[in-house]
Amino acid sequence: MAAASLAAGCTTTAPPEAEMSAARSMLTQAQPVASQYAPGELRAAQAKLERAEALYAREQYTDARLLAEQAEVDAKLAWSIGESERARRALAEVRR
């Protein structure tokens, strides 16, 4: 029983490669439109990714994964806000 408890305590968390990659990719996608129409949201996503990368470097994978996932969601929000505003402005221009 003690050996099982010890073995369970030694398990390591896998590096969050997919989560980090997804966050980076979403930030890259959001950058062009969000920098103009949702800069605050974009900065929040970038800050979270930077913290995730720092945690990743220190092999604190659980916290890095969480922040990378949050960064991806924040980047999606920034992209959505930016695309919505861009579409709203294009529609307004067409209606003139």
PDB file of N, CA and C in Angstrom:
ATOM      1  N   MET A   1       0.828  -1.192   0.000  1.00  0.00           N
ATOM      2  CA  MET A   1       0.000   0.000   0.000  1.00  0.00           C
ATOM      3  C   MET A   1       0.873   1.256   0.000  1.00  0.00           C
ATOM      4  N   ALA A   2       1.908   1.234   0.830  1.00  0.00           N
ATOM      5  CA  ALA A   2       2.799   2.390   0.899  1.00  0.00           C
ATOM      6  C   ALA A   2       3.516   2.598  -0.435  1.00  0.00           C
ATOM      7  N   ALA A   3       3.886   1.503  -1.084  1.00  0.00           N
ATOM      8  CA  ALA A   3       4.566   1.603  -2.377  1.00  0.00           C
ATOM      9  C   ALA A   3       3.647   2.231  -3.422  1.00  0.00           C
ATOM     10  N   ALA A   4       2.370   1.898  -3.383  1.00  0.00           N
ATOM     11  CA  ALA A   4       1.411   2.469  -4.327  1.00  0.00           C
ATOM     12  C   ALA A   4       1.259   3.965  -4.084  1.00  0.00           C
ATOM     13  N   SER A   5       1.212   4.372  -2.845  1.00  0.00           N
ATOM     14  CA  SER A   5       1.098   5.797  -2.521  1.00  0.00           C
ATOM     15  C   SER A   5       2.338   6.549  -2.977  1.00  0.00           C
ATOM     16  N   LEU A   6       3.495   5.943  -2.756  1.00  0.00           N
ATOM     17  CA  LEU A   6       4.741   6.568  -3.163  1.00  0.00           C
ATOM     18  C   LEU A   6       4.820   6.684  -4.683  1.00  0.00           C
ATOM     19  N   ALA A   7       4.411   5.639  -5.363  1.00  0.00           N
ATOM     20  CA  ALA A   7       4.432   5.652  -6.828  1.00  0.00           C
ATOM     21  C   ALA A   7       3.477   6.704  -7.370  1.00  0.00           C
ATOM     22  N   ALA A   8       2.317   6.846  -6.747  1.00  0.00           N
ATOM     23  CA  ALA A   8       1.353   7.843  -7.197  1.00  0.00           C
ATOM     24  C   ALA A   8       1.901   9.243  -7.006  1.00  0.00           C
ATOM     25  N   GLY A   9       2.645   9.460  -5.947  1.00  0.00           N
ATOM     26  CA  GLY A   9       3.222  10.767  -5.688  1.00  0.00           C
ATOM     27  C   GLY A   9       4.339  11.114  -6.656  1.00  0.00           C
ATOM     28  N   CYS A  10       4.916  10.135  -7.298  1.00  0.00           N
ATOM     29  CA  CYS A  10       6.036  10.365  -8.206  1.00  0.00           C
ATOM     30  C   CYS A  10       5.608  10.570  -9.650  1.00  0.00           C
ATOM     31  N   THR A  11       4.336  10.418  -9.928  1.00  0.00           N
ATOM     32  CA  THR A  11       3.901  10.603 -11.311  1.00  0.00           C
ATOM     33  C   THR A  11       4.119  12.048 -11.715  1.00  0.00           C
ATOM     34  N   THR A  12       4.525  12.217 -12.932  1.00  0.00           N
ATOM     35  CA  THR A  12       4.792  13.561 -13.420  1.00  0.00           C
ATOM     36  C   THR A  12       3.710  13.975 -14.399  1.00  0.00           C
ATOM     37  N   THR A  13       3.512  15.247 -14.448  1.00  0.00           N
ATOM     38  CA  THR A  13       2.559  15.812 -15.389  1.00  0.00           C
ATOM     39  C   THR A  13       3.276  16.016 -16.713  1.00  0.00           C
ATOM     40  N   ALA A  14       2.645  15.599 -17.764  1.00  0.00           N
ATOM     41  CA  ALA A  14       3.238  15.755 -19.091  1.00  0.00           C
ATOM     42  C   ALA A  14       3.279  17.234 -19.471  1.00  0.00           C
ATOM     43  N   PRO A  15       4.293  17.638 -20.182  1.00  0.00           N
ATOM     44  CA  PRO A  15       4.362  19.025 -20.639  1.00  0.00           C
ATOM     45  C   PRO A  15       3.148  19.366 -21.513  1.00  0.00           C
ATOM     46  N   PRO A  16       2.581  20.542 -21.334  1.00  0.00           N
ATOM     47  CA  PRO A  16       1.378  20.933 -22.079  1.00  0.00           C
ATOM     48  C   PRO A  16       1.690  21.462 -23.478  1.00  0.00           C
ATOM     49  N   GLU A  17       2.317  20.627 -24.275  1.00  0.00           N
ATOM     50  CA  GLU A  17       2.721  21.036 -25.631  1.00  0.00           C
ATOM     51  C   GLU A  17       1.535  21.512 -26.467  1.00  0.00           C
ATOM     52  N   ALA A  18       0.468  20.725 -26.474  1.00  0.00           N
ATOM     53  CA  ALA A  18      -0.691  21.058 -27.312  1.00  0.00           C
ATOM     54  C   ALA A  18      -1.342  22.358 -26.859  1.00  0.00           C
ATOM     55  N   GLU A  19      -1.462  22.546 -25.563  1.00  0.00           N
ATOM     56  CA  GLU A  19      -2.101  23.749 -25.034  1.00  0.00           C
ATOM     57  C   GLU A  19      -1.273  24.994 -25.338  1.00  0.00           C
ATOM     58  N   MET A  20       0.034  24.870 -25.182  1.00  0.00           N
ATOM     59  CA  MET A  20       0.906  26.003 -25.481  1.00  0.00           C
ATOM     60  C   MET A  20       0.831  26.352 -26.969  1.00  0.00           C
ATOM     61  N   SER A  21       0.856  25.340 -27.802  1.00  0.00           N
ATOM     62  CA  SER A  21       0.788  25.544 -29.245  1.00  0.00           C
ATOM     63  C   SER A  21      -0.538  26.174 -29.652  1.00  0.00           C
ATOM     64  N   ALA A  22      -1.627  25.689 -29.069  1.00  0.00           N
ATOM     65  CA  ALA A  22      -2.949  26.231 -29.398  1.00  0.00           C
ATOM     66  C   ALA A  22      -3.059  27.693 -28.991  1.00  0.00           C
ATOM     67  N   ALA A  23      -2.519  28.042 -27.831  1.00  0.00           N
ATOM     68  CA  ALA A  23      -2.567  29.429 -27.375  1.00  0.00           C
ATOM     69  C   ALA A  23      -1.740  30.323 -28.298  1.00  0.00           C
ATOM     70  N   ARG A  24      -0.559  29.870 -28.659  1.00  0.00           N
ATOM     71  CA  ARG A  24       0.291  30.657 -29.573  1.00  0.00           C
ATOM     72  C   ARG A  24      -0.402  30.865 -30.917  1.00  0.00           C
ATOM     73  N   SER A  25      -0.987  29.793 -31.421  1.00  0.00           N
ATOM     74  CA  SER A  25      -1.660  29.857 -32.717  1.00  0.00           C
ATOM     75  C   SER A  25      -2.841  30.824 -32.687  1.00  0.00           C
ATOM     76  N   MET A  26      -3.637  30.759 -31.617  1.00  0.00           N
ATOM     77  CA  MET A  26      -4.797  31.636 -31.523  1.00  0.00           C
ATOM     78  C   MET A  26      -4.363  33.090 -31.373  1.00  0.00           C
ATOM     79  N   LEU A  27      -3.291  33.327 -30.648  1.00  0.00           N
ATOM     80  CA  LEU A  27      -2.776  34.695 -30.528  1.00  0.00           C
ATOM     81  C   LEU A  27      -2.309  35.225 -31.880  1.00  0.00           C
ATOM     82  N   THR A  28      -1.648  34.393 -32.634  1.00  0.00           N
ATOM     83  CA  THR A  28      -1.195  34.789 -33.970  1.00  0.00           C
ATOM     84  C   THR A  28      -2.384  35.121 -34.862  1.00  0.00           C
ATOM     85  N   GLN A  29      -3.427  34.310 -34.777  1.00  0.00           N
ATOM     86  CA  GLN A  29      -4.622  34.544 -35.579  1.00  0.00           C
ATOM     87  C   GLN A  29      -5.334  35.825 -35.146  1.00  0.00           C
ATOM     88  N   ALA A  30      -5.387  36.061 -33.857  1.00  0.00           N
ATOM     89  CA  ALA A  30      -6.127  37.215 -33.329  1.00  0.00           C
ATOM     90  C   ALA A  30      -5.390  38.532 -33.548  1.00  0.00           C
ATOM     91  N   GLN A  31      -4.077  38.492 -33.585  1.00  0.00           N
ATOM     92  CA  GLN A  31      -3.248  39.699 -33.615  1.00  0.00           C
ATOM     93  C   GLN A  31      -3.690  40.766 -34.616  1.00  0.00           C
ATOM     94  N   PRO A  32      -3.876  40.455 -35.891  1.00  0.00           N
ATOM     95  CA  PRO A  32      -4.177  41.524 -36.851  1.00  0.00           C
ATOM     96  C   PRO A  32      -5.446  42.315 -36.542  1.00  0.00           C
ATOM     97  N   VAL A  33      -6.495  41.632 -36.209  1.00  0.00           N
ATOM     98  CA  VAL A  33      -7.761  42.340 -35.992  1.00  0.00           C
ATOM     99  C   VAL A  33      -7.908  42.802 -34.542  1.00  0.00           C
ATOM    100  N   ALA A  34      -7.432  42.011 -33.610  1.00  0.00           N
ATOM    101  CA  ALA A  34      -7.607  42.353 -32.199  1.00  0.00           C
ATOM    102  C   ALA A  34      -6.723  43.511 -31.780  1.00  0.00           C
ATOM    103  N   SER A  35      -5.574  43.664 -32.397  1.00  0.00           N
ATOM    104  CA  SER A  35      -4.689  44.774 -32.031  1.00  0.00           C
ATOM    105  C   SER A  35      -5.367  46.111 -32.298  1.00  0.00           C
ATOM    106  N   GLN A  36      -6.253  46.136 -33.269  1.00  0.00           N
ATOM    107  CA  GLN A  36      -6.954  47.372 -33.600  1.00  0.00           C
ATOM    108  C   GLN A  36      -8.254  47.519 -32.816  1.00  0.00           C
ATOM    109  N   TYR A  37      -9.014  46.443 -32.674  1.00  0.00           N
ATOM    110  CA  TYR A  37     -10.356  46.539 -32.111  1.00  0.00           C
ATOM    111  C   TYR A  37     -10.519  45.967 -30.701  1.00  0.00           C
ATOM    112  N   ALA A  38      -9.566  45.196 -30.224  1.00  0.00           N
ATOM    113  CA  ALA A  38      -9.671  44.602 -28.886  1.00  0.00           C
ATOM    114  C   ALA A  38      -8.289  44.509 -28.241  1.00  0.00           C
ATOM    115  N   PRO A  39      -7.589  45.633 -28.148  1.00  0.00           N
ATOM    116  CA  PRO A  39      -6.219  45.573 -27.641  1.00  0.00           C
ATOM    117  C   PRO A  39      -6.110  45.123 -26.185  1.00  0.00           C
ATOM    118  N   GLY A  40      -7.055  45.479 -25.366  1.00  0.00           N
ATOM    119  CA  GLY A  40      -7.011  45.074 -23.959  1.00  0.00           C
ATOM    120  C   GLY A  40      -7.124  43.571 -23.800  1.00  0.00           C
ATOM    121  N   GLU A  41      -8.049  42.994 -24.512  1.00  0.00           N
ATOM    122  CA  GLU A  41      -8.240  41.549 -24.460  1.00  0.00           C
ATOM    123  C   GLU A  41      -7.017  40.822 -25.024  1.00  0.00           C
ATOM    124  N   LEU A  42      -6.464  41.375 -26.084  1.00  0.00           N
ATOM    125  CA  LEU A  42      -5.274  40.776 -26.689  1.00  0.00           C
ATOM    126  C   LEU A  42      -4.095  40.830 -25.720  1.00  0.00           C
ATOM    127  N   ARG A  43      -3.916  41.972 -25.044  1.00  0.00           N
ATOM    128  CA  ARG A  43      -2.832  42.084 -24.060  1.00  0.00           C
ATOM    129  C   ARG A  43      -3.015  41.091 -22.916  1.00  0.00           C
ATOM    130  N   ALA A  44      -4.250  40.891 -22.492  1.00  0.00           N
ATOM    131  CA  ALA A  44      -4.518  39.923 -21.416  1.00  0.00           C
ATOM    132  C   ALA A  44      -4.103  38.520 -21.857  1.00  0.00           C
ATOM    133  N   ALA A  45      -4.433  38.161 -23.083  1.00  0.00           N
ATOM    134  CA  ALA A  45      -4.069  36.840 -23.607  1.00  0.00           C
ATOM    135  C   ALA A  45      -2.555  36.703 -23.703  1.00  0.00           C
ATOM    136  N   GLN A  46      -1.893  37.743 -24.192  1.00  0.00           N
ATOM    137  CA  GLN A  46      -0.436  37.704 -24.317  1.00  0.00           C
ATOM    138  C   GLN A  46       0.230  37.567 -22.947  1.00  0.00           C
ATOM    139  N   ALA A  47      -0.278  38.286 -21.960  1.00  0.00           N
ATOM    140  CA  ALA A  47       0.292  38.225 -20.612  1.00  0.00           C
ATOM    141  C   ALA A  47       0.143  36.829 -20.024  1.00  0.00           C
ATOM    142  N   LYS A  48      -1.004  36.222 -20.230  1.00  0.00           N
ATOM    143  CA  LYS A  48      -1.213  34.868 -19.712  1.00  0.00           C
ATOM    144  C   LYS A  48      -0.302  33.871 -20.406  1.00  0.00           C
ATOM    145  N   LEU A  49      -0.121  34.033 -21.702  1.00  0.00           N
ATOM    146  CA  LEU A  49       0.780  33.125 -22.410  1.00  0.00           C
ATOM    147  C   LEU A  49       2.214  33.313 -21.935  1.00  0.00           C
ATOM    148  N   GLU A  50       2.614  34.534 -21.713  1.00  0.00           N
ATOM    149  CA  GLU A  50       3.967  34.779 -21.202  1.00  0.00           C
ATOM    150  C   GLU A  50       4.169  34.117 -19.842  1.00  0.00           C
ATOM    151  N   ARG A  51       3.172  34.224 -18.970  1.00  0.00           N
ATOM    152  CA  ARG A  51       3.269  33.565 -17.655  1.00  0.00           C
ATOM    153  C   ARG A  51       3.284  32.056 -17.826  1.00  0.00           C
ATOM    154  N   ALA A  52       2.482  31.549 -18.757  1.00  0.00           N
ATOM    155  CA  ALA A  52       2.461  30.102 -19.014  1.00  0.00           C
ATOM    156  C   ALA A  52       3.831  29.638 -19.497  1.00  0.00           C
ATOM    157  N   GLU A  53       4.450  30.412 -20.372  1.00  0.00           N
ATOM    158  CA  GLU A  53       5.777  30.038 -20.878  1.00  0.00           C
ATOM    159  C   GLU A  53       6.828  30.048 -19.768  1.00  0.00           C
ATOM    160  N   ALA A  54       6.721  30.999 -18.852  1.00  0.00           N
ATOM    161  CA  ALA A  54       7.649  31.044 -17.725  1.00  0.00           C
ATOM    162  C   ALA A  54       7.455  29.827 -16.818  1.00  0.00           C
ATOM    163  N   LEU A  55       6.222  29.476 -16.566  1.00  0.00           N
ATOM    164  CA  LEU A  55       5.936  28.289 -15.750  1.00  0.00           C
ATOM    165  C   LEU A  55       6.400  27.024 -16.455  1.00  0.00           C
ATOM    166  N   TYR A  56       6.200  26.970 -17.738  1.00  0.00           N
ATOM    167  CA  TYR A  56       6.641  25.828 -18.534  1.00  0.00           C
ATOM    168  C   TYR A  56       8.154  25.660 -18.412  1.00  0.00           C
ATOM    169  N   ALA A  57       8.867  26.762 -18.492  1.00  0.00           N
ATOM    170  CA  ALA A  57      10.328  26.713 -18.394  1.00  0.00           C
ATOM    171  C   ALA A  57      10.775  26.185 -17.028  1.00  0.00           C
ATOM    172  N   ARG A  58       9.972  26.452 -16.007  1.00  0.00           N
ATOM    173  CA  ARG A  58      10.293  25.952 -14.662  1.00  0.00           C
ATOM    174  C   ARG A  58       9.688  24.569 -14.405  1.00  0.00           C
ATOM    175  N   GLU A  59       9.144  23.973 -15.464  1.00  0.00           N
ATOM    176  CA  GLU A  59       8.528  22.641 -15.418  1.00  0.00           C
ATOM    177  C   GLU A  59       7.343  22.573 -14.455  1.00  0.00           C
ATOM    178  N   GLN A  60       6.641  23.676 -14.315  1.00  0.00           N
ATOM    179  CA  GLN A  60       5.403  23.718 -13.535  1.00  0.00           C
ATOM    180  C   GLN A  60       4.246  23.546 -14.526  1.00  0.00           C
ATOM    181  N   TYR A  61       4.152  22.327 -15.009  1.00  0.00           N
ATOM    182  CA  TYR A  61       3.289  22.037 -16.149  1.00  0.00           C
ATOM    183  C   TYR A  61       1.799  22.179 -15.860  1.00  0.00           C
ATOM    184  N   THR A  62       1.355  21.859 -14.675  1.00  0.00           N
ATOM    185  CA  THR A  62      -0.071  21.972 -14.367  1.00  0.00           C
ATOM    186  C   THR A  62      -0.518  23.428 -14.466  1.00  0.00           C
ATOM    187  N   ASP A  63       0.231  24.321 -13.829  1.00  0.00           N
ATOM    188  CA  ASP A  63      -0.113  25.743 -13.880  1.00  0.00           C
ATOM    189  C   ASP A  63       0.101  26.317 -15.275  1.00  0.00           C
ATOM    190  N   ALA A  64       1.136  25.857 -15.953  1.00  0.00           N
ATOM    191  CA  ALA A  64       1.382  26.317 -17.326  1.00  0.00           C
ATOM    192  C   ALA A  64       0.224  25.922 -18.232  1.00  0.00           C
ATOM    193  N   ARG A  65      -0.273  24.712 -18.069  1.00  0.00           N
ATOM    194  CA  ARG A  65      -1.402  24.241 -18.883  1.00  0.00           C
ATOM    195  C   ARG A  65      -2.627  25.121 -18.646  1.00  0.00           C
ATOM    196  N   LEU A  66      -2.920  25.389 -17.399  1.00  0.00           N
ATOM    197  CA  LEU A  66      -4.087  26.200 -17.063  1.00  0.00           C
ATOM    198  C   LEU A  66      -3.980  27.591 -17.682  1.00  0.00           C
ATOM    199  N   LEU A  67      -2.844  28.222 -17.542  1.00  0.00           N
ATOM    200  CA  LEU A  67      -2.676  29.563 -18.102  1.00  0.00           C
ATOM    201  C   LEU A  67      -2.676  29.549 -19.626  1.00  0.00           C
ATOM    202  N   ALA A  68      -2.117  28.523 -20.227  1.00  0.00           N
ATOM    203  CA  ALA A  68      -2.142  28.424 -21.693  1.00  0.00           C
ATOM    204  C   ALA A  68      -3.580  28.284 -22.186  1.00  0.00           C
ATOM    205  N   GLU A  69      -4.371  27.487 -21.493  1.00  0.00           N
ATOM    206  CA  GLU A  69      -5.780  27.340 -21.879  1.00  0.00           C
ATOM    207  C   GLU A  69      -6.517  28.664 -21.725  1.00  0.00           C
ATOM    208  N   GLN A  70      -6.246  29.376 -20.635  1.00  0.00           N
ATOM    209  CA  GLN A  70      -6.870  30.685 -20.432  1.00  0.00           C
ATOM    210  C   GLN A  70      -6.421  31.669 -21.503  1.00  0.00           C
ATOM    211  N   ALA A  71      -5.157  31.637 -21.856  1.00  0.00           N
ATOM    212  CA  ALA A  71      -4.642  32.525 -22.895  1.00  0.00           C
ATOM    213  C   ALA A  71      -5.326  32.252 -24.228  1.00  0.00           C
ATOM    214  N   GLU A  72      -5.537  30.985 -24.535  1.00  0.00           N
ATOM    215  CA  GLU A  72      -6.227  30.649 -25.786  1.00  0.00           C
ATOM    216  C   GLU A  72      -7.656  31.194 -25.783  1.00  0.00           C
ATOM    217  N   VAL A  73      -8.349  31.028 -24.677  1.00  0.00           N
ATOM    218  CA  VAL A  73      -9.728  31.533 -24.582  1.00  0.00           C
ATOM    219  C   VAL A  73      -9.748  33.053 -24.685  1.00  0.00           C
ATOM    220  N   ASP A  74      -8.824  33.708 -24.002  1.00  0.00           N
ATOM    221  CA  ASP A  74      -8.754  35.171 -24.087  1.00  0.00           C
ATOM    222  C   ASP A  74      -8.439  35.631 -25.505  1.00  0.00           C
ATOM    223  N   ALA A  75      -7.568  34.924 -26.187  1.00  0.00           N
ATOM    224  CA  ALA A  75      -7.243  35.272 -27.568  1.00  0.00           C
ATOM    225  C   ALA A  75      -8.450  35.061 -28.480  1.00  0.00           C
ATOM    226  N   LYS A  76      -9.214  34.007 -28.235  1.00  0.00           N
ATOM    227  CA  LYS A  76     -10.442  33.786 -29.019  1.00  0.00           C
ATOM    228  C   LYS A  76     -11.431  34.916 -28.779  1.00  0.00           C
ATOM    229  N   LEU A  77     -11.530  35.353 -27.529  1.00  0.00           N
ATOM    230  CA  LEU A  77     -12.420  36.473 -27.219  1.00  0.00           C
ATOM    231  C   LEU A  77     -11.955  37.728 -27.956  1.00  0.00           C
ATOM    232  N   ALA A  78     -10.673  38.007 -27.892  1.00  0.00           N
ATOM    233  CA  ALA A  78     -10.122  39.184 -28.579  1.00  0.00           C
ATOM    234  C   ALA A  78     -10.398  39.106 -30.080  1.00  0.00           C
ATOM    235  N   TRP A  79     -10.184  37.927 -30.666  1.00  0.00           N
ATOM    236  CA  TRP A  79     -10.440  37.748 -32.086  1.00  0.00           C
ATOM    237  C   TRP A  79     -11.923  37.963 -32.402  1.00  0.00           C
ATOM    238  N   SER A  80     -12.794  37.394 -31.573  1.00  0.00           N
ATOM    239  CA  SER A  80     -14.238  37.531 -31.799  1.00  0.00           C
ATOM    240  C   SER A  80     -14.696  38.976 -31.706  1.00  0.00           C
ATOM    241  N   ILE A  81     -14.201  39.681 -30.706  1.00  0.00           N
ATOM    242  CA  ILE A  81     -14.545  41.096 -30.569  1.00  0.00           C
ATOM    243  C   ILE A  81     -14.037  41.873 -31.781  1.00  0.00           C
ATOM    244  N   GLY A  82     -12.821  41.609 -32.166  1.00  0.00           N
ATOM    245  CA  GLY A  82     -12.243  42.299 -33.312  1.00  0.00           C
ATOM    246  C   GLY A  82     -12.993  42.026 -34.598  1.00  0.00           C
ATOM    247  N   GLU A  83     -13.307  40.769 -34.844  1.00  0.00           N
ATOM    248  CA  GLU A  83     -14.049  40.419 -36.066  1.00  0.00           C
ATOM    249  C   GLU A  83     -15.445  41.030 -36.054  1.00  0.00           C
ATOM    250  N   SER A  84     -16.079  41.027 -34.914  1.00  0.00           N
ATOM    251  CA  SER A  84     -17.415  41.612 -34.802  1.00  0.00           C
ATOM    252  C   SER A  84     -17.379  43.108 -35.092  1.00  0.00           C
ATOM    253  N   GLU A  85     -16.395  43.783 -34.521  1.00  0.00           N
ATOM    254  CA  GLU A  85     -16.280  45.227 -34.755  1.00  0.00           C
ATOM    255  C   GLU A  85     -15.920  45.519 -36.206  1.00  0.00           C
ATOM    256  N   ARG A  86     -15.051  44.722 -36.774  1.00  0.00           N
ATOM    257  CA  ARG A  86     -14.684  44.923 -38.179  1.00  0.00           C
ATOM    258  C   ARG A  86     -15.910  44.723 -39.084  1.00  0.00           C
ATOM    259  N   ALA A  87     -16.695  43.704 -38.803  1.00  0.00           N
ATOM    260  CA  ALA A  87     -17.898  43.455 -39.593  1.00  0.00           C
ATOM    261  C   ALA A  87     -18.920  44.571 -39.406  1.00  0.00           C
ATOM    262  N   ARG A  88     -19.055  45.057 -38.179  1.00  0.00           N
ATOM    263  CA  ARG A  88     -19.998  46.138 -37.906  1.00  0.00           C
ATOM    264  C   ARG A  88     -19.604  47.382 -38.689  1.00  0.00           C
ATOM    265  N   ARG A  89     -18.326  47.690 -38.705  1.00  0.00           N
ATOM    266  CA  ARG A  89     -17.846  48.864 -39.441  1.00  0.00           C
ATOM    267  C   ARG A  89     -18.001  48.693 -40.944  1.00  0.00           C
ATOM    268  N   ALA A  90     -17.764  47.497 -41.446  1.00  0.00           N
ATOM    269  CA  ALA A  90     -17.944  47.246 -42.880  1.00  0.00           C
ATOM    270  C   ALA A  90     -19.402  47.397 -43.274  1.00  0.00           C
ATOM    271  N   LEU A  91     -20.292  46.909 -42.431  1.00  0.00           N
ATOM    272  CA  LEU A  91     -21.725  47.049 -42.704  1.00  0.00           C
ATOM    273  C   LEU A  91     -22.138  48.517 -42.681  1.00  0.00           C
ATOM    274  N   ALA A  92     -21.628  49.253 -41.733  1.00  0.00           N
ATOM    275  CA  ALA A  92     -21.944  50.680 -41.654  1.00  0.00           C
ATOM    276  C   ALA A  92     -21.468  51.401 -42.908  1.00  0.00           C
ATOM    277  N   GLU A  93     -20.307  51.008 -43.406  1.00  0.00           N
ATOM    278  CA  GLU A  93     -19.762  51.628 -44.617  1.00  0.00           C
ATOM    279  C   GLU A  93     -20.628  51.293 -45.832  1.00  0.00           C
ATOM    280  N   VAL A  94     -21.097  50.063 -45.913  1.00  0.00           N
ATOM    281  CA  VAL A  94     -21.941  49.659 -47.034  1.00  0.00           C
ATOM    282  C   VAL A  94     -23.274  50.400 -46.997  1.00  0.00           C
ATOM    283  N   ARG A  95     -23.780  50.654 -45.833  1.00  0.00           N
ATOM    284  CA  ARG A  95     -25.069  51.334 -45.682  1.00  0.00           C
ATOM    285  C   ARG A  95     -24.998  52.824 -45.995  1.00  0.00           C
ATOM    286  N   ARG A  96     -23.833  53.397 -46.084  1.00  0.00           N
ATOM    287  CA  ARG A  96     -23.707  54.834 -46.372  1.00  0.00           C
ATOM    288  C   ARG A  96     -24.070  55.164 -47.760  1.00  0.00           C
TER     289      ARG A  96
END
